[in-house]
């Protein structure tokens, strides 16, 4: 019943921008943290950005000053604004969330991923 729905991926030229969205669905009481990971072909999945319920953010060094993570608590949605995109940013981007489903338990979920391709 609980699902993360990603959108906003696509193909863009180097230097361009994209905005990714990840919305939660189902019975979710609250969100402890949400973030974005990415995995390029032949490479390990890595953290891109993460935001906690308190608003603290974490960014990979490779995307600092270019990517911005934000959230809309009412919509239970997290966004990743990507600017100055580089070909090295090409990867499948996955949404990840720690979701509070009961008053006593928190679960971790992954989205299906959305492809981001940056052409030179």
N, C-alpha and C. Protein backbone atom coordinates (compact mmCIF):
# COMPACT_ATOMS: atom_id res chain seq x y z
N UNK A 1 0.82 -1.21 0.00
CA UNK A 1 0.00 0.00 0.00
C UNK A 1 0.85 1.26 0.00
N UNK A 2 1.99 1.20 0.64
CA UNK A 2 2.88 2.34 0.69
C UNK A 2 3.79 2.31 -0.54
N UNK A 3 3.92 3.45 -1.17
CA UNK A 3 4.70 3.53 -2.39
C UNK A 3 5.33 4.90 -2.54
N UNK A 4 6.51 4.93 -3.15
CA UNK A 4 7.17 6.17 -3.51
C UNK A 4 7.05 6.34 -5.02
N UNK A 5 6.51 7.47 -5.44
CA UNK A 5 6.27 7.73 -6.85
C UNK A 5 7.21 8.83 -7.31
N UNK A 6 8.11 8.50 -8.22
CA UNK A 6 9.10 9.43 -8.72
C UNK A 6 8.69 9.99 -10.07
N UNK A 7 9.11 11.21 -10.33
CA UNK A 7 8.84 11.84 -11.61
C UNK A 7 9.88 12.93 -11.86
N UNK A 8 9.97 13.36 -13.10
CA UNK A 8 10.84 14.47 -13.45
C UNK A 8 12.10 14.09 -14.19
N UNK A 9 12.37 12.82 -14.32
CA UNK A 9 13.56 12.40 -15.04
C UNK A 9 13.43 12.66 -16.53
N UNK A 10 14.55 12.60 -17.21
CA UNK A 10 14.54 12.83 -18.64
C UNK A 10 15.93 13.06 -19.16
N UNK A 11 16.00 13.59 -20.36
CA UNK A 11 17.26 13.88 -21.03
C UNK A 11 17.43 15.39 -21.15
N UNK A 12 18.62 15.85 -20.83
CA UNK A 12 18.91 17.28 -20.88
C UNK A 12 20.35 17.47 -21.33
N UNK A 13 20.61 18.59 -21.96
CA UNK A 13 21.97 18.91 -22.37
C UNK A 13 22.80 19.37 -21.18
N UNK A 14 24.10 19.19 -21.29
CA UNK A 14 24.99 19.65 -20.24
C UNK A 14 24.76 21.13 -19.95
N UNK A 15 24.74 21.46 -18.67
CA UNK A 15 24.47 22.82 -18.26
C UNK A 15 23.01 23.10 -17.99
N UNK A 16 22.15 22.17 -18.35
CA UNK A 16 20.73 22.35 -18.15
C UNK A 16 20.28 21.97 -16.75
N UNK A 17 18.97 21.98 -16.57
CA UNK A 17 18.39 21.72 -15.25
C UNK A 17 17.25 20.73 -15.34
N UNK A 18 17.05 20.02 -14.26
CA UNK A 18 15.92 19.12 -14.09
C UNK A 18 15.46 19.18 -12.65
N UNK A 19 14.19 18.91 -12.44
CA UNK A 19 13.64 18.85 -11.09
C UNK A 19 12.95 17.51 -10.90
N UNK A 20 13.45 16.74 -9.95
CA UNK A 20 12.88 15.45 -9.62
C UNK A 20 11.91 15.59 -8.45
N UNK A 21 10.85 14.80 -8.49
CA UNK A 21 9.88 14.79 -7.42
C UNK A 21 9.67 13.37 -6.94
N UNK A 22 9.41 13.23 -5.66
CA UNK A 22 9.11 11.93 -5.08
C UNK A 22 8.00 12.12 -4.06
N UNK A 23 6.87 11.52 -4.34
CA UNK A 23 5.70 11.64 -3.47
C UNK A 23 5.39 10.31 -2.82
N UNK A 24 4.96 10.36 -1.59
CA UNK A 24 4.56 9.16 -0.89
C UNK A 24 3.07 8.93 -1.09
N UNK A 25 2.69 7.67 -1.08
CA UNK A 25 1.29 7.30 -1.15
C UNK A 25 1.03 6.19 -0.15
N UNK A 26 -0.23 6.05 0.24
CA UNK A 26 -0.58 5.04 1.21
C UNK A 26 -0.70 5.63 2.61
N UNK A 27 -0.82 4.76 3.56
CA UNK A 27 -1.01 5.16 4.95
C UNK A 27 0.33 5.45 5.60
N UNK A 28 0.70 6.71 5.59
CA UNK A 28 1.95 7.16 6.18
C UNK A 28 1.63 8.18 7.25
N UNK A 29 2.07 7.91 8.46
CA UNK A 29 1.81 8.85 9.55
C UNK A 29 2.71 10.07 9.46
N UNK A 30 3.98 9.84 9.18
CA UNK A 30 4.92 10.93 9.05
C UNK A 30 6.17 10.41 8.36
N UNK A 31 7.05 11.34 8.04
CA UNK A 31 8.28 11.01 7.33
C UNK A 31 9.47 11.45 8.17
N UNK A 32 10.32 10.52 8.50
CA UNK A 32 11.52 10.86 9.26
C UNK A 32 12.59 11.49 8.37
N UNK A 33 12.75 10.93 7.17
CA UNK A 33 13.75 11.45 6.26
C UNK A 33 13.45 10.96 4.85
N UNK A 34 13.84 11.75 3.87
CA UNK A 34 13.73 11.35 2.47
C UNK A 34 14.99 11.82 1.76
N UNK A 35 15.34 11.08 0.73
CA UNK A 35 16.54 11.45 0.00
C UNK A 35 16.59 10.83 -1.38
N UNK A 36 17.66 11.17 -2.06
CA UNK A 36 17.89 10.68 -3.41
C UNK A 36 19.24 9.99 -3.49
N UNK A 37 19.25 8.85 -4.13
CA UNK A 37 20.46 8.12 -4.46
C UNK A 37 20.52 7.96 -5.98
N UNK A 38 21.70 7.66 -6.48
CA UNK A 38 21.83 7.43 -7.91
C UNK A 38 22.82 6.31 -8.16
N UNK A 39 22.65 5.66 -9.30
CA UNK A 39 23.53 4.58 -9.69
C UNK A 39 23.76 4.65 -11.19
N UNK A 40 25.01 4.85 -11.55
CA UNK A 40 25.42 4.86 -12.94
C UNK A 40 25.85 3.46 -13.35
N UNK A 41 25.82 3.15 -14.64
CA UNK A 41 26.22 1.82 -15.09
C UNK A 41 27.63 1.46 -14.62
N UNK A 42 27.76 0.29 -14.02
CA UNK A 42 29.05 -0.17 -13.56
C UNK A 42 29.56 0.47 -12.29
N UNK A 43 28.74 1.30 -11.65
CA UNK A 43 29.17 1.99 -10.45
C UNK A 43 28.24 1.66 -9.29
N UNK A 44 28.73 1.91 -8.09
CA UNK A 44 27.96 1.65 -6.88
C UNK A 44 26.93 2.75 -6.66
N UNK A 45 25.81 2.36 -6.10
CA UNK A 45 24.79 3.35 -5.76
C UNK A 45 25.33 4.28 -4.68
N UNK A 46 25.09 5.57 -4.85
CA UNK A 46 25.62 6.56 -3.93
C UNK A 46 24.55 7.56 -3.50
N UNK A 47 24.75 8.10 -2.34
CA UNK A 47 23.86 9.14 -1.83
C UNK A 47 24.08 10.43 -2.61
N UNK A 48 22.99 11.05 -3.02
CA UNK A 48 23.05 12.34 -3.68
C UNK A 48 22.68 13.45 -2.71
N UNK A 49 21.53 13.32 -2.08
CA UNK A 49 21.07 14.33 -1.13
C UNK A 49 20.02 13.71 -0.22
N UNK A 50 19.92 14.25 0.98
CA UNK A 50 18.98 13.73 1.96
C UNK A 50 18.53 14.86 2.86
N UNK A 51 17.27 14.80 3.28
CA UNK A 51 16.72 15.80 4.18
C UNK A 51 15.94 15.09 5.27
N UNK A 52 16.14 15.52 6.50
CA UNK A 52 15.47 14.92 7.65
C UNK A 52 14.19 15.68 7.97
N UNK A 53 13.43 15.12 8.89
CA UNK A 53 12.20 15.77 9.31
C UNK A 53 12.47 17.12 9.97
N UNK A 54 13.65 17.27 10.54
CA UNK A 54 14.02 18.53 11.14
C UNK A 54 14.58 19.55 10.17
N UNK A 55 14.74 19.16 8.92
CA UNK A 55 15.21 20.08 7.90
C UNK A 55 16.70 20.02 7.62
N UNK A 56 17.42 19.16 8.31
CA UNK A 56 18.85 19.03 8.06
C UNK A 56 19.08 18.36 6.71
N UNK A 57 20.05 18.84 5.97
CA UNK A 57 20.34 18.32 4.64
C UNK A 57 21.75 17.79 4.55
N UNK A 58 21.92 16.82 3.67
CA UNK A 58 23.21 16.23 3.38
C UNK A 58 23.35 16.12 1.87
N UNK A 59 24.53 16.47 1.36
CA UNK A 59 24.79 16.41 -0.06
C UNK A 59 26.09 15.68 -0.33
N UNK A 60 26.13 14.98 -1.44
CA UNK A 60 27.39 14.45 -1.92
C UNK A 60 28.27 15.60 -2.36
N UNK A 61 29.57 15.45 -2.16
CA UNK A 61 30.49 16.52 -2.54
C UNK A 61 30.39 16.86 -4.02
N UNK A 62 30.10 15.87 -4.84
CA UNK A 62 30.06 16.08 -6.28
C UNK A 62 28.89 16.93 -6.74
N UNK A 63 27.87 17.12 -5.88
CA UNK A 63 26.69 17.87 -6.30
C UNK A 63 26.46 19.12 -5.47
N UNK A 64 27.29 19.36 -4.48
CA UNK A 64 27.13 20.56 -3.67
C UNK A 64 27.20 21.81 -4.54
N UNK A 65 26.35 22.77 -4.25
CA UNK A 65 26.26 24.04 -4.96
C UNK A 65 25.60 23.90 -6.33
N UNK A 66 25.22 22.69 -6.70
CA UNK A 66 24.50 22.49 -7.95
C UNK A 66 23.10 21.91 -7.73
N UNK A 67 22.96 21.04 -6.75
CA UNK A 67 21.68 20.39 -6.46
C UNK A 67 21.13 20.94 -5.16
N UNK A 68 19.81 21.00 -5.07
CA UNK A 68 19.14 21.44 -3.86
C UNK A 68 17.97 20.51 -3.56
N UNK A 69 17.95 19.97 -2.35
CA UNK A 69 16.84 19.13 -1.94
C UNK A 69 15.89 19.95 -1.08
N UNK A 70 14.61 19.73 -1.27
CA UNK A 70 13.59 20.44 -0.51
C UNK A 70 12.39 19.53 -0.31
N UNK A 71 11.45 19.99 0.48
CA UNK A 71 10.28 19.17 0.76
C UNK A 71 9.03 20.01 0.91
N UNK A 72 7.90 19.37 0.69
CA UNK A 72 6.60 19.95 0.94
C UNK A 72 5.90 19.00 1.90
N UNK A 73 5.85 19.39 3.15
CA UNK A 73 5.30 18.49 4.16
C UNK A 73 3.82 18.18 3.93
N UNK A 74 3.06 19.17 3.47
CA UNK A 74 1.64 18.96 3.23
C UNK A 74 1.42 17.92 2.14
N UNK A 75 2.25 17.94 1.12
CA UNK A 75 2.12 17.00 0.02
C UNK A 75 2.91 15.72 0.25
N UNK A 76 3.68 15.69 1.32
CA UNK A 76 4.54 14.55 1.61
C UNK A 76 5.41 14.22 0.40
N UNK A 77 6.04 15.24 -0.11
CA UNK A 77 6.82 15.14 -1.33
C UNK A 77 8.19 15.78 -1.13
N UNK A 78 9.20 15.16 -1.69
CA UNK A 78 10.54 15.70 -1.68
C UNK A 78 10.96 16.01 -3.11
N UNK A 79 11.75 17.07 -3.28
CA UNK A 79 12.18 17.50 -4.59
C UNK A 79 13.70 17.55 -4.64
N UNK A 80 14.22 17.37 -5.82
CA UNK A 80 15.64 17.56 -6.06
C UNK A 80 15.79 18.46 -7.27
N UNK A 81 16.18 19.70 -7.02
CA UNK A 81 16.42 20.65 -8.09
C UNK A 81 17.88 20.52 -8.53
N UNK A 82 18.08 20.14 -9.77
CA UNK A 82 19.41 19.90 -10.30
C UNK A 82 19.72 20.95 -11.35
N UNK A 83 20.81 21.65 -11.16
CA UNK A 83 21.25 22.68 -12.10
C UNK A 83 22.68 22.39 -12.51
N UNK A 84 23.10 23.05 -13.58
CA UNK A 84 24.46 22.88 -14.10
C UNK A 84 24.80 21.41 -14.26
N UNK A 85 23.90 20.68 -14.86
CA UNK A 85 24.07 19.24 -14.98
C UNK A 85 25.26 18.90 -15.88
N UNK A 86 25.93 17.83 -15.50
CA UNK A 86 27.10 17.34 -16.21
C UNK A 86 26.83 15.93 -16.72
N UNK A 87 27.55 15.50 -17.75
CA UNK A 87 27.39 14.12 -18.21
C UNK A 87 27.63 13.09 -17.11
N UNK A 88 28.50 13.40 -16.15
CA UNK A 88 28.76 12.49 -15.05
C UNK A 88 27.56 12.33 -14.12
N UNK A 89 26.58 13.21 -14.24
CA UNK A 89 25.36 13.09 -13.45
C UNK A 89 24.40 12.05 -14.02
N UNK A 90 24.69 11.54 -15.19
CA UNK A 90 23.84 10.54 -15.82
C UNK A 90 23.78 9.29 -14.96
N UNK A 91 22.57 8.90 -14.60
CA UNK A 91 22.37 7.75 -13.73
C UNK A 91 20.87 7.51 -13.55
N UNK A 92 20.56 6.40 -12.93
CA UNK A 92 19.20 6.17 -12.45
C UNK A 92 19.12 6.74 -11.05
N UNK A 93 18.17 7.61 -10.82
CA UNK A 93 18.01 8.25 -9.53
C UNK A 93 16.87 7.59 -8.77
N UNK A 94 17.16 7.20 -7.53
CA UNK A 94 16.20 6.49 -6.71
C UNK A 94 15.80 7.33 -5.50
N UNK A 95 14.53 7.39 -5.25
CA UNK A 95 14.02 8.03 -4.05
C UNK A 95 14.06 7.03 -2.91
N UNK A 96 14.40 7.51 -1.74
CA UNK A 96 14.46 6.68 -0.55
C UNK A 96 13.82 7.42 0.62
N UNK A 97 13.11 6.69 1.47
CA UNK A 97 12.43 7.35 2.57
C UNK A 97 12.33 6.44 3.78
N UNK A 98 12.47 7.05 4.94
CA UNK A 98 12.16 6.40 6.21
C UNK A 98 10.78 6.88 6.61
N UNK A 99 9.82 5.97 6.55
CA UNK A 99 8.42 6.32 6.74
C UNK A 99 7.90 5.73 8.04
N UNK A 100 7.18 6.55 8.79
CA UNK A 100 6.54 6.11 10.01
C UNK A 100 5.15 5.61 9.65
N UNK A 101 4.96 4.30 9.75
CA UNK A 101 3.69 3.70 9.37
C UNK A 101 2.80 3.40 10.57
N UNK A 102 3.40 3.21 11.72
CA UNK A 102 2.67 3.03 12.96
C UNK A 102 3.29 3.93 14.02
N UNK A 103 2.68 3.95 15.18
CA UNK A 103 3.22 4.77 16.25
C UNK A 103 4.49 4.20 16.85
N UNK A 104 4.84 2.97 16.47
CA UNK A 104 6.00 2.32 17.05
C UNK A 104 7.06 1.88 16.05
N UNK A 105 6.77 1.94 14.75
CA UNK A 105 7.70 1.39 13.77
C UNK A 105 7.91 2.32 12.58
N UNK A 106 9.14 2.33 12.12
CA UNK A 106 9.53 3.08 10.94
C UNK A 106 10.11 2.11 9.92
N UNK A 107 9.76 2.30 8.65
CA UNK A 107 10.22 1.42 7.59
C UNK A 107 10.92 2.22 6.50
N UNK A 108 11.87 1.57 5.85
CA UNK A 108 12.62 2.19 4.77
C UNK A 108 12.10 1.69 3.43
N UNK A 109 11.87 2.62 2.50
CA UNK A 109 11.33 2.28 1.19
C UNK A 109 12.16 2.89 0.08
N UNK A 110 12.14 2.23 -1.06
CA UNK A 110 12.80 2.70 -2.27
C UNK A 110 11.79 2.88 -3.39
N UNK A 111 12.00 3.90 -4.19
CA UNK A 111 11.22 4.05 -5.40
C UNK A 111 11.78 3.18 -6.51
N UNK A 112 11.11 3.17 -7.64
CA UNK A 112 11.53 2.34 -8.77
C UNK A 112 12.69 2.95 -9.55
N UNK A 113 12.92 4.22 -9.37
CA UNK A 113 14.01 4.89 -10.06
C UNK A 113 13.53 5.64 -11.28
N UNK A 114 14.22 6.71 -11.59
CA UNK A 114 13.93 7.49 -12.78
C UNK A 114 15.25 7.84 -13.47
N UNK A 115 15.28 7.69 -14.77
CA UNK A 115 16.50 7.87 -15.53
C UNK A 115 16.76 9.35 -15.78
N UNK A 116 17.98 9.76 -15.50
CA UNK A 116 18.45 11.10 -15.84
C UNK A 116 19.64 10.94 -16.78
N UNK A 117 19.53 11.52 -17.95
CA UNK A 117 20.59 11.45 -18.94
C UNK A 117 21.02 12.85 -19.32
N UNK A 118 22.31 13.12 -19.19
CA UNK A 118 22.87 14.43 -19.52
C UNK A 118 23.80 14.25 -20.71
N UNK A 119 23.47 14.88 -21.80
CA UNK A 119 24.26 14.77 -23.01
C UNK A 119 25.25 15.93 -23.10
N UNK A 120 26.38 15.67 -23.73
CA UNK A 120 27.39 16.70 -23.90
C UNK A 120 27.19 17.47 -25.18
